[in-house]
Amino acid sequence: MTGLQTLLRDGFDLAAAATQPADISPPMAELLEWHATADALPDADITVLMWVREAGGADWHSGWWDGQDWRDAASGGVVAGEVSHWAEPEGPGA
């Protein structure tokens, strides 16, 4: 299922988003491309989203690959779990 299909399935009103008055900012959604760490690593020292698997489950965090270890953006420390995937959001200015 693509990201757009997921948004539509979850009730995102594409027609309403396309017809917003000019003085109202339309809702924004960015589709992320998740990369398996087994296939590719990001450039060292750029901040990315990381999918981290830990004993209690899995969740995303922001951080970076320093060329040797995954680092957590909140602490700067080495990530405690396994980073299985990463994504680089572009943000609204892209």
C-alpha atoms as a PDB file:
ATOM      1  CA  MET A   1       0.000   0.000   0.000  1.00  0.00           C
ATOM      2  CA  THR A   2       1.406   3.416  -0.928  1.00  0.00           C
ATOM      3  CA  GLY A   3       1.483   6.386   1.427  1.00  0.00           C
ATOM      4  CA  LEU A   4      -1.296   8.123  -0.515  1.00  0.00           C
ATOM      5  CA  GLN A   5      -3.453   4.991  -0.344  1.00  0.00           C
ATOM      6  CA  THR A   6      -2.879   4.885   3.413  1.00  0.00           C
ATOM      7  CA  LEU A   7      -3.909   8.549   3.812  1.00  0.00           C
ATOM      8  CA  LEU A   8      -7.063   7.994   1.777  1.00  0.00           C
ATOM      9  CA  ARG A   9      -7.900   4.798   3.699  1.00  0.00           C
ATOM     10  CA  ASP A  10      -7.519   6.716   6.960  1.00  0.00           C
ATOM     11  CA  GLY A  11      -9.938   9.436   5.844  1.00  0.00           C
ATOM     12  CA  PHE A  12      -7.683  12.164   4.415  1.00  0.00           C
ATOM     13  CA  ASP A  13      -9.929  14.363   2.246  1.00  0.00           C
ATOM     14  CA  LEU A  14      -7.776  14.955  -0.824  1.00  0.00           C
ATOM     15  CA  ALA A  15     -10.459  16.996  -2.608  1.00  0.00           C
ATOM     16  CA  ALA A  16     -10.882  19.351   0.365  1.00  0.00           C
ATOM     17  CA  ALA A  17      -7.108  19.797   0.666  1.00  0.00           C
ATOM     18  CA  ALA A  18      -6.900  20.813  -2.999  1.00  0.00           C
ATOM     19  CA  THR A  19      -9.715  23.399  -2.711  1.00  0.00           C
ATOM     20  CA  GLN A  20      -8.602  25.304   0.411  1.00  0.00           C
ATOM     21  CA  PRO A  21      -9.056  29.104   0.165  1.00  0.00           C
ATOM     22  CA  ALA A  22      -5.806  30.905  -0.691  1.00  0.00           C
ATOM     23  CA  ASP A  23      -5.557  32.499   2.768  1.00  0.00           C
ATOM     24  CA  ILE A  24      -5.672  29.136   4.573  1.00  0.00           C
ATOM     25  CA  SER A  25      -2.629  26.904   4.537  1.00  0.00           C
ATOM     26  CA  PRO A  26      -3.488  23.469   3.200  1.00  0.00           C
ATOM     27  CA  PRO A  27      -2.769  20.481   5.406  1.00  0.00           C
ATOM     28  CA  MET A  28       0.677  19.027   4.785  1.00  0.00           C
ATOM     29  CA  ALA A  29       1.705  15.418   4.593  1.00  0.00           C
ATOM     30  CA  GLU A  30       5.130  14.136   3.675  1.00  0.00           C
ATOM     31  CA  LEU A  31       5.674  10.596   2.522  1.00  0.00           C
ATOM     32  CA  LEU A  32       8.826   9.151   4.041  1.00  0.00           C
ATOM     33  CA  GLU A  33      11.046   6.661   2.302  1.00  0.00           C
ATOM     34  CA  TRP A  34      12.339   4.218   4.914  1.00  0.00           C
ATOM     35  CA  HIS A  35      15.671   2.547   4.141  1.00  0.00           C
ATOM     36  CA  ALA A  36      16.732  -0.757   5.683  1.00  0.00           C
ATOM     37  CA  THR A  37      20.061  -0.303   7.479  1.00  0.00           C
ATOM     38  CA  ALA A  38      21.176  -3.631   6.006  1.00  0.00           C
ATOM     39  CA  ASP A  39      20.872  -2.073   2.524  1.00  0.00           C
ATOM     40  CA  ALA A  40      22.113   1.510   3.036  1.00  0.00           C
ATOM     41  CA  LEU A  41      23.278   3.924   5.708  1.00  0.00           C
ATOM     42  CA  PRO A  42      22.790   7.693   5.685  1.00  0.00           C
ATOM     43  CA  ASP A  43      25.689  10.078   5.266  1.00  0.00           C
ATOM     44  CA  ALA A  44      27.502  10.431   8.580  1.00  0.00           C
ATOM     45  CA  ASP A  45      26.346  13.210  10.895  1.00  0.00           C
ATOM     46  CA  ILE A  46      23.025  14.135   9.208  1.00  0.00           C
ATOM     47  CA  THR A  47      19.947  13.937  11.419  1.00  0.00           C
ATOM     48  CA  VAL A  48      17.426  11.302  10.352  1.00  0.00           C
ATOM     49  CA  LEU A  49      14.459   9.425  11.776  1.00  0.00           C
ATOM     50  CA  MET A  50      15.440   6.001  13.068  1.00  0.00           C
ATOM     51  CA  TRP A  51      13.185   2.982  13.632  1.00  0.00           C
ATOM     52  CA  VAL A  52      14.578   1.477  16.831  1.00  0.00           C
ATOM     53  CA  ARG A  53      13.728  -2.004  18.094  1.00  0.00           C
ATOM     54  CA  GLU A  54      14.170  -2.510  21.828  1.00  0.00           C
ATOM     55  CA  ALA A  55      13.146  -5.210  24.295  1.00  0.00           C
ATOM     56  CA  GLY A  56       9.851  -3.408  25.032  1.00  0.00           C
ATOM     57  CA  GLY A  57       8.881  -2.874  21.378  1.00  0.00           C
ATOM     58  CA  ALA A  58       9.784  -0.513  18.567  1.00  0.00           C
ATOM     59  CA  ASP A  59       9.407   3.227  17.980  1.00  0.00           C
ATOM     60  CA  TRP A  60      10.965   6.033  15.978  1.00  0.00           C
ATOM     61  CA  HIS A  61      13.548   8.464  17.303  1.00  0.00           C
ATOM     62  CA  SER A  62      15.652  11.183  15.739  1.00  0.00           C
ATOM     63  CA  GLY A  63      19.372  10.736  15.595  1.00  0.00           C
ATOM     64  CA  TRP A  64      22.310  10.136  13.300  1.00  0.00           C
ATOM     65  CA  TRP A  65      24.838   7.594  12.129  1.00  0.00           C
ATOM     66  CA  ASP A  66      28.319   8.766  13.174  1.00  0.00           C
ATOM     67  CA  GLY A  67      30.124   6.346  10.882  1.00  0.00           C
ATOM     68  CA  GLN A  68      30.407   3.687  13.583  1.00  0.00           C
ATOM     69  CA  ASP A  69      27.363   3.934  15.901  1.00  0.00           C
ATOM     70  CA  TRP A  70      23.792   5.210  15.812  1.00  0.00           C
ATOM     71  CA  ARG A  71      23.414   8.251  18.095  1.00  0.00           C
ATOM     72  CA  ASP A  72      20.248   9.520  19.763  1.00  0.00           C
ATOM     73  CA  ALA A  73      19.562  13.207  19.068  1.00  0.00           C
ATOM     74  CA  ALA A  74      18.065  13.759  22.539  1.00  0.00           C
ATOM     75  CA  SER A  75      21.145  12.626  24.446  1.00  0.00           C
ATOM     76  CA  GLY A  76      23.962  12.298  21.930  1.00  0.00           C
ATOM     77  CA  GLY A  77      24.548   8.827  23.341  1.00  0.00           C
ATOM     78  CA  VAL A  78      24.711   5.542  21.482  1.00  0.00           C
ATOM     79  CA  VAL A  79      21.242   4.141  20.687  1.00  0.00           C
ATOM     80  CA  ALA A  80      20.386   1.333  23.120  1.00  0.00           C
ATOM     81  CA  GLY A  81      18.354  -0.767  20.675  1.00  0.00           C
ATOM     82  CA  GLU A  82      18.731  -1.988  17.109  1.00  0.00           C
ATOM     83  CA  VAL A  83      18.169   0.578  14.350  1.00  0.00           C
ATOM     84  CA  SER A  84      16.528  -1.396  11.556  1.00  0.00           C
ATOM     85  CA  HIS A  85      15.459   1.476   9.269  1.00  0.00           C
ATOM     86  CA  TRP A  86      16.051   5.194   8.757  1.00  0.00           C
ATOM     87  CA  ALA A  87      14.359   8.008   6.816  1.00  0.00           C
ATOM     88  CA  GLU A  88      15.360  11.554   5.942  1.00  0.00           C
ATOM     89  CA  PRO A  89      12.379  13.944   6.052  1.00  0.00           C
ATOM     90  CA  GLU A  90      12.627  17.012   3.844  1.00  0.00           C
ATOM     91  CA  GLY A  91      10.198  19.244   5.738  1.00  0.00           C
ATOM     92  CA  PRO A  92       7.847  21.937   4.408  1.00  0.00           C
ATOM     93  CA  GLY A  93      10.601  24.009   2.786  1.00  0.00           C
ATOM     94  CA  ALA A  94      11.594  21.317   0.287  1.00  0.00           C
END
